[in-house]
């Protein structure tokens, strides 16, 4: 397999009632979790409906993705995918804008 996997998953379409503890319980049967982050609105502190789950290994993350992607959790159909690494992609975009 040529595609490089990562050990962090992006989880979207979560219920606004989902907690970090609930997310950890949901994903823990698939491996050792390093970190769970539920993204919240800074002013209201309410969840935005997505989060991240980081595993110790890529194999554990892949196992969780295959088991939970497309499942209904707390009444919502959730999507699970490998998290995208943040990078300097925007730097090349700004150069193109300046030259035009």
N, C-alpha and C. Protein backbone atom coordinates (compact mmCIF):
# COMPACT_ATOMS: atom_id res chain seq x y z
N UNK A 1 0.84 -1.17 0.00
CA UNK A 1 0.00 0.00 0.00
C UNK A 1 0.89 1.24 0.00
N UNK A 2 0.79 2.08 -1.01
CA UNK A 2 1.66 3.23 -1.17
C UNK A 2 1.26 4.40 -0.28
N UNK A 3 -0.01 4.49 0.04
CA UNK A 3 -0.48 5.62 0.84
C UNK A 3 0.00 5.47 2.28
N UNK A 4 0.60 6.52 2.79
CA UNK A 4 1.08 6.50 4.16
C UNK A 4 -0.08 6.83 5.10
N UNK A 5 -0.29 5.98 6.07
CA UNK A 5 -1.34 6.19 7.05
C UNK A 5 -0.80 7.05 8.18
N UNK A 6 -1.70 7.59 8.96
CA UNK A 6 -1.28 8.29 10.17
C UNK A 6 -2.06 7.69 11.34
N UNK A 7 -1.65 8.03 12.54
CA UNK A 7 -2.31 7.43 13.70
C UNK A 7 -3.39 8.34 14.28
N UNK A 8 -3.71 9.45 13.60
CA UNK A 8 -4.75 10.35 14.08
C UNK A 8 -5.95 10.32 13.14
N UNK A 9 -7.13 10.24 13.72
CA UNK A 9 -8.36 10.19 12.95
C UNK A 9 -9.16 11.47 13.13
N UNK A 10 -9.83 11.88 12.06
CA UNK A 10 -10.76 13.00 12.08
C UNK A 10 -12.15 12.40 12.10
N UNK A 11 -12.98 12.81 13.06
CA UNK A 11 -14.32 12.28 13.21
C UNK A 11 -15.30 13.43 13.02
N UNK A 12 -16.20 13.31 12.04
CA UNK A 12 -17.13 14.40 11.75
C UNK A 12 -18.57 13.95 11.89
N UNK A 13 -19.47 14.93 11.91
CA UNK A 13 -20.91 14.75 12.03
C UNK A 13 -21.30 14.18 13.40
N UNK A 14 -20.53 14.50 14.42
CA UNK A 14 -20.84 14.05 15.77
C UNK A 14 -22.04 14.81 16.32
N UNK A 15 -22.77 14.17 17.20
CA UNK A 15 -23.86 14.82 17.91
C UNK A 15 -23.27 15.94 18.78
N UNK A 16 -24.02 17.01 18.94
CA UNK A 16 -23.57 18.10 19.79
C UNK A 16 -23.58 17.70 21.26
N UNK A 17 -24.14 16.54 21.57
CA UNK A 17 -24.17 16.03 22.94
C UNK A 17 -23.03 15.06 23.21
N UNK A 18 -22.22 14.76 22.21
CA UNK A 18 -21.08 13.86 22.38
C UNK A 18 -20.03 14.54 23.26
N UNK A 19 -19.46 13.78 24.19
CA UNK A 19 -18.42 14.30 25.07
C UNK A 19 -17.08 13.65 24.72
N UNK A 20 -15.98 14.22 25.22
CA UNK A 20 -14.67 13.61 25.00
C UNK A 20 -14.61 12.23 25.65
N UNK A 21 -15.24 12.08 26.80
CA UNK A 21 -15.25 10.78 27.47
C UNK A 21 -16.02 9.76 26.62
N UNK A 22 -17.14 10.18 26.06
CA UNK A 22 -17.92 9.29 25.20
C UNK A 22 -17.17 8.89 23.95
N UNK A 23 -16.45 9.85 23.38
CA UNK A 23 -15.65 9.57 22.19
C UNK A 23 -14.53 8.58 22.52
N UNK A 24 -13.90 8.77 23.68
CA UNK A 24 -12.84 7.86 24.11
C UNK A 24 -13.39 6.45 24.31
N UNK A 25 -14.57 6.34 24.95
CA UNK A 25 -15.18 5.01 25.16
C UNK A 25 -15.52 4.34 23.83
N UNK A 26 -15.99 5.14 22.87
CA UNK A 26 -16.37 4.60 21.57
C UNK A 26 -15.16 4.04 20.82
N UNK A 27 -14.03 4.75 20.88
CA UNK A 27 -12.85 4.38 20.09
C UNK A 27 -11.87 3.48 20.84
N UNK A 28 -11.97 3.37 22.15
CA UNK A 28 -10.99 2.60 22.93
C UNK A 28 -10.94 1.10 22.64
N UNK A 29 -12.02 0.44 22.21
CA UNK A 29 -11.89 -0.99 21.93
C UNK A 29 -10.93 -1.33 20.78
N UNK A 30 -10.52 -0.34 20.01
CA UNK A 30 -9.71 -0.61 18.83
C UNK A 30 -8.22 -0.37 19.04
N UNK A 31 -7.84 0.08 20.24
CA UNK A 31 -6.41 0.27 20.50
C UNK A 31 -6.15 1.26 21.61
N UNK A 32 -4.88 1.53 21.81
CA UNK A 32 -4.44 2.43 22.87
C UNK A 32 -4.50 3.88 22.37
N UNK A 33 -5.33 4.68 23.02
CA UNK A 33 -5.56 6.06 22.59
C UNK A 33 -4.58 6.99 23.29
N UNK A 34 -3.91 7.83 22.50
CA UNK A 34 -3.01 8.84 23.05
C UNK A 34 -3.76 10.11 23.45
N UNK A 35 -4.72 10.52 22.60
CA UNK A 35 -5.40 11.79 22.83
C UNK A 35 -6.76 11.80 22.15
N UNK A 36 -7.72 12.44 22.80
CA UNK A 36 -9.05 12.69 22.22
C UNK A 36 -9.30 14.19 22.32
N UNK A 37 -9.62 14.81 21.19
CA UNK A 37 -9.92 16.25 21.19
C UNK A 37 -11.27 16.47 20.52
N UNK A 38 -12.19 17.01 21.26
CA UNK A 38 -13.49 17.39 20.73
C UNK A 38 -13.43 18.90 20.52
N UNK A 39 -13.59 19.36 19.30
CA UNK A 39 -13.45 20.78 19.00
C UNK A 39 -14.70 21.52 19.45
N UNK A 40 -14.47 22.59 20.23
CA UNK A 40 -15.58 23.36 20.80
C UNK A 40 -15.51 24.82 20.37
N UNK A 41 -16.67 25.45 20.34
CA UNK A 41 -16.75 26.87 20.06
C UNK A 41 -16.12 27.61 21.24
N UNK A 42 -15.17 28.52 21.00
CA UNK A 42 -14.49 29.18 22.12
C UNK A 42 -15.40 30.05 22.98
N UNK A 43 -16.42 30.63 22.40
CA UNK A 43 -17.26 31.52 23.20
C UNK A 43 -18.36 30.77 23.96
N UNK A 44 -18.95 29.75 23.34
CA UNK A 44 -20.05 29.03 24.01
C UNK A 44 -19.59 27.76 24.70
N UNK A 45 -18.39 27.25 24.34
CA UNK A 45 -17.84 26.00 24.86
C UNK A 45 -18.68 24.79 24.46
N UNK A 46 -19.57 24.94 23.47
CA UNK A 46 -20.36 23.82 22.97
C UNK A 46 -19.58 23.13 21.85
N UNK A 47 -19.70 21.81 21.74
CA UNK A 47 -19.01 21.09 20.67
C UNK A 47 -19.47 21.56 19.28
N UNK A 48 -18.52 21.57 18.33
CA UNK A 48 -18.84 21.97 16.97
C UNK A 48 -19.28 20.79 16.10
N UNK A 49 -19.22 19.57 16.64
CA UNK A 49 -19.67 18.41 15.88
C UNK A 49 -18.57 17.62 15.21
N UNK A 50 -17.31 17.91 15.57
CA UNK A 50 -16.21 17.12 15.04
C UNK A 50 -15.07 17.08 16.04
N UNK A 51 -14.17 16.12 15.84
CA UNK A 51 -13.06 15.98 16.76
C UNK A 51 -11.98 15.08 16.20
N UNK A 52 -10.99 14.81 17.01
CA UNK A 52 -9.84 14.00 16.62
C UNK A 52 -9.56 12.94 17.66
N UNK A 53 -9.14 11.77 17.19
CA UNK A 53 -8.74 10.68 18.07
C UNK A 53 -7.37 10.21 17.61
N UNK A 54 -6.38 10.27 18.49
CA UNK A 54 -5.02 9.85 18.16
C UNK A 54 -4.70 8.53 18.85
N UNK A 55 -4.22 7.58 18.06
CA UNK A 55 -3.83 6.26 18.57
C UNK A 55 -2.32 6.15 18.67
N UNK A 56 -1.87 5.12 19.37
CA UNK A 56 -0.45 4.84 19.48
C UNK A 56 0.14 4.36 18.15
N UNK A 57 -0.68 3.69 17.33
CA UNK A 57 -0.15 3.16 16.07
C UNK A 57 -1.14 3.37 14.92
N UNK A 58 -0.60 3.31 13.71
CA UNK A 58 -1.41 3.44 12.50
C UNK A 58 -2.35 2.25 12.33
N UNK A 59 -1.92 1.09 12.77
CA UNK A 59 -2.72 -0.12 12.65
C UNK A 59 -4.00 0.00 13.49
N UNK A 60 -3.86 0.51 14.70
CA UNK A 60 -5.03 0.71 15.57
C UNK A 60 -5.99 1.74 14.98
N UNK A 61 -5.43 2.82 14.44
CA UNK A 61 -6.27 3.85 13.81
C UNK A 61 -7.02 3.29 12.62
N UNK A 62 -6.34 2.49 11.82
CA UNK A 62 -6.97 1.89 10.65
C UNK A 62 -8.10 0.94 11.06
N UNK A 63 -7.88 0.19 12.12
CA UNK A 63 -8.90 -0.73 12.62
C UNK A 63 -10.15 0.04 13.07
N UNK A 64 -9.95 1.14 13.79
CA UNK A 64 -11.07 1.96 14.27
C UNK A 64 -11.81 2.60 13.10
N UNK A 65 -11.07 3.10 12.12
CA UNK A 65 -11.69 3.72 10.95
C UNK A 65 -12.60 2.72 10.24
N UNK A 66 -12.10 1.53 10.01
CA UNK A 66 -12.89 0.51 9.30
C UNK A 66 -14.13 0.10 10.09
N UNK A 67 -14.03 0.09 11.41
CA UNK A 67 -15.15 -0.35 12.23
C UNK A 67 -16.20 0.74 12.46
N UNK A 68 -15.78 2.01 12.51
CA UNK A 68 -16.71 3.06 12.93
C UNK A 68 -17.16 4.01 11.83
N UNK A 69 -16.47 4.06 10.71
CA UNK A 69 -16.88 4.96 9.63
C UNK A 69 -18.25 4.55 9.11
N UNK A 70 -19.18 5.50 9.08
CA UNK A 70 -20.52 5.22 8.58
C UNK A 70 -21.46 4.61 9.61
N UNK A 71 -21.05 4.58 10.87
CA UNK A 71 -21.91 4.06 11.94
C UNK A 71 -22.79 5.15 12.49
N UNK A 72 -23.90 4.77 13.09
CA UNK A 72 -24.77 5.74 13.76
C UNK A 72 -24.39 5.76 15.24
N UNK A 73 -24.03 6.95 15.71
CA UNK A 73 -23.61 7.15 17.10
C UNK A 73 -24.41 8.33 17.66
N UNK A 74 -25.06 8.12 18.77
CA UNK A 74 -25.90 9.16 19.40
C UNK A 74 -26.91 9.73 18.40
N UNK A 75 -27.44 8.85 17.56
CA UNK A 75 -28.47 9.25 16.60
C UNK A 75 -27.95 9.95 15.36
N UNK A 76 -26.63 10.00 15.17
CA UNK A 76 -26.05 10.67 14.01
C UNK A 76 -25.15 9.71 13.24
N UNK A 77 -25.19 9.80 11.91
CA UNK A 77 -24.29 9.05 11.05
C UNK A 77 -22.94 9.75 11.09
N UNK A 78 -21.90 9.09 11.60
CA UNK A 78 -20.59 9.73 11.71
C UNK A 78 -19.67 9.27 10.58
N UNK A 79 -18.72 10.11 10.26
CA UNK A 79 -17.69 9.79 9.29
C UNK A 79 -16.34 9.83 9.98
N UNK A 80 -15.51 8.83 9.69
CA UNK A 80 -14.18 8.74 10.28
C UNK A 80 -13.19 8.63 9.14
N UNK A 81 -12.14 9.46 9.17
CA UNK A 81 -11.10 9.41 8.14
C UNK A 81 -9.77 9.77 8.78
N UNK A 82 -8.69 9.46 8.08
CA UNK A 82 -7.38 9.83 8.59
C UNK A 82 -7.25 11.34 8.57
N UNK A 83 -6.71 11.90 9.65
CA UNK A 83 -6.56 13.35 9.75
C UNK A 83 -5.50 13.83 8.76
N UNK A 84 -5.73 14.99 8.20
CA UNK A 84 -4.77 15.61 7.29
C UNK A 84 -3.76 16.40 8.11
N UNK A 85 -2.50 16.26 7.77
CA UNK A 85 -1.47 17.04 8.46
C UNK A 85 -1.56 18.49 8.02
N UNK A 86 -1.49 19.38 8.98
CA UNK A 86 -1.48 20.80 8.62
C UNK A 86 -0.12 21.13 8.05
N UNK A 87 -0.12 21.84 6.94
CA UNK A 87 1.15 22.16 6.31
C UNK A 87 1.14 23.55 5.73
N UNK A 88 2.25 23.94 5.10
CA UNK A 88 2.37 25.29 4.54
C UNK A 88 1.77 25.42 3.15
N UNK A 89 0.64 24.73 2.87
CA UNK A 89 0.05 24.80 1.53
C UNK A 89 -0.38 26.22 1.18
N UNK A 90 -0.80 26.98 2.16
CA UNK A 90 -1.30 28.33 1.92
C UNK A 90 -0.20 29.26 1.42
N UNK A 91 1.05 28.96 1.73
CA UNK A 91 2.15 29.83 1.30
C UNK A 91 2.24 29.88 -0.22
N UNK A 92 2.06 28.75 -0.87
CA UNK A 92 2.14 28.74 -2.34
C UNK A 92 0.95 29.45 -2.95
N UNK A 93 -0.23 29.38 -2.30
CA UNK A 93 -1.41 30.07 -2.80
C UNK A 93 -1.20 31.58 -2.77
N UNK A 94 -0.60 32.09 -1.71
CA UNK A 94 -0.42 33.54 -1.58
C UNK A 94 0.56 34.07 -2.61
N UNK A 95 1.55 33.26 -2.98
CA UNK A 95 2.50 33.68 -4.02
C UNK A 95 1.80 33.85 -5.35
N UNK A 96 0.90 32.92 -5.67
CA UNK A 96 0.18 32.99 -6.94
C UNK A 96 -0.69 34.24 -6.99
N UNK A 97 -1.32 34.59 -5.86
CA UNK A 97 -2.16 35.78 -5.81
C UNK A 97 -1.36 37.04 -6.02
N UNK A 98 -0.15 37.08 -5.48
CA UNK A 98 0.68 38.29 -5.57
C UNK A 98 1.22 38.50 -6.99
N UNK A 99 1.42 37.40 -7.73
CA UNK A 99 2.00 37.55 -9.07
C UNK A 99 0.96 37.90 -10.12
N UNK A 100 -0.34 37.71 -9.81
CA UNK A 100 -1.39 37.92 -10.81
C UNK A 100 -1.79 39.31 -10.90
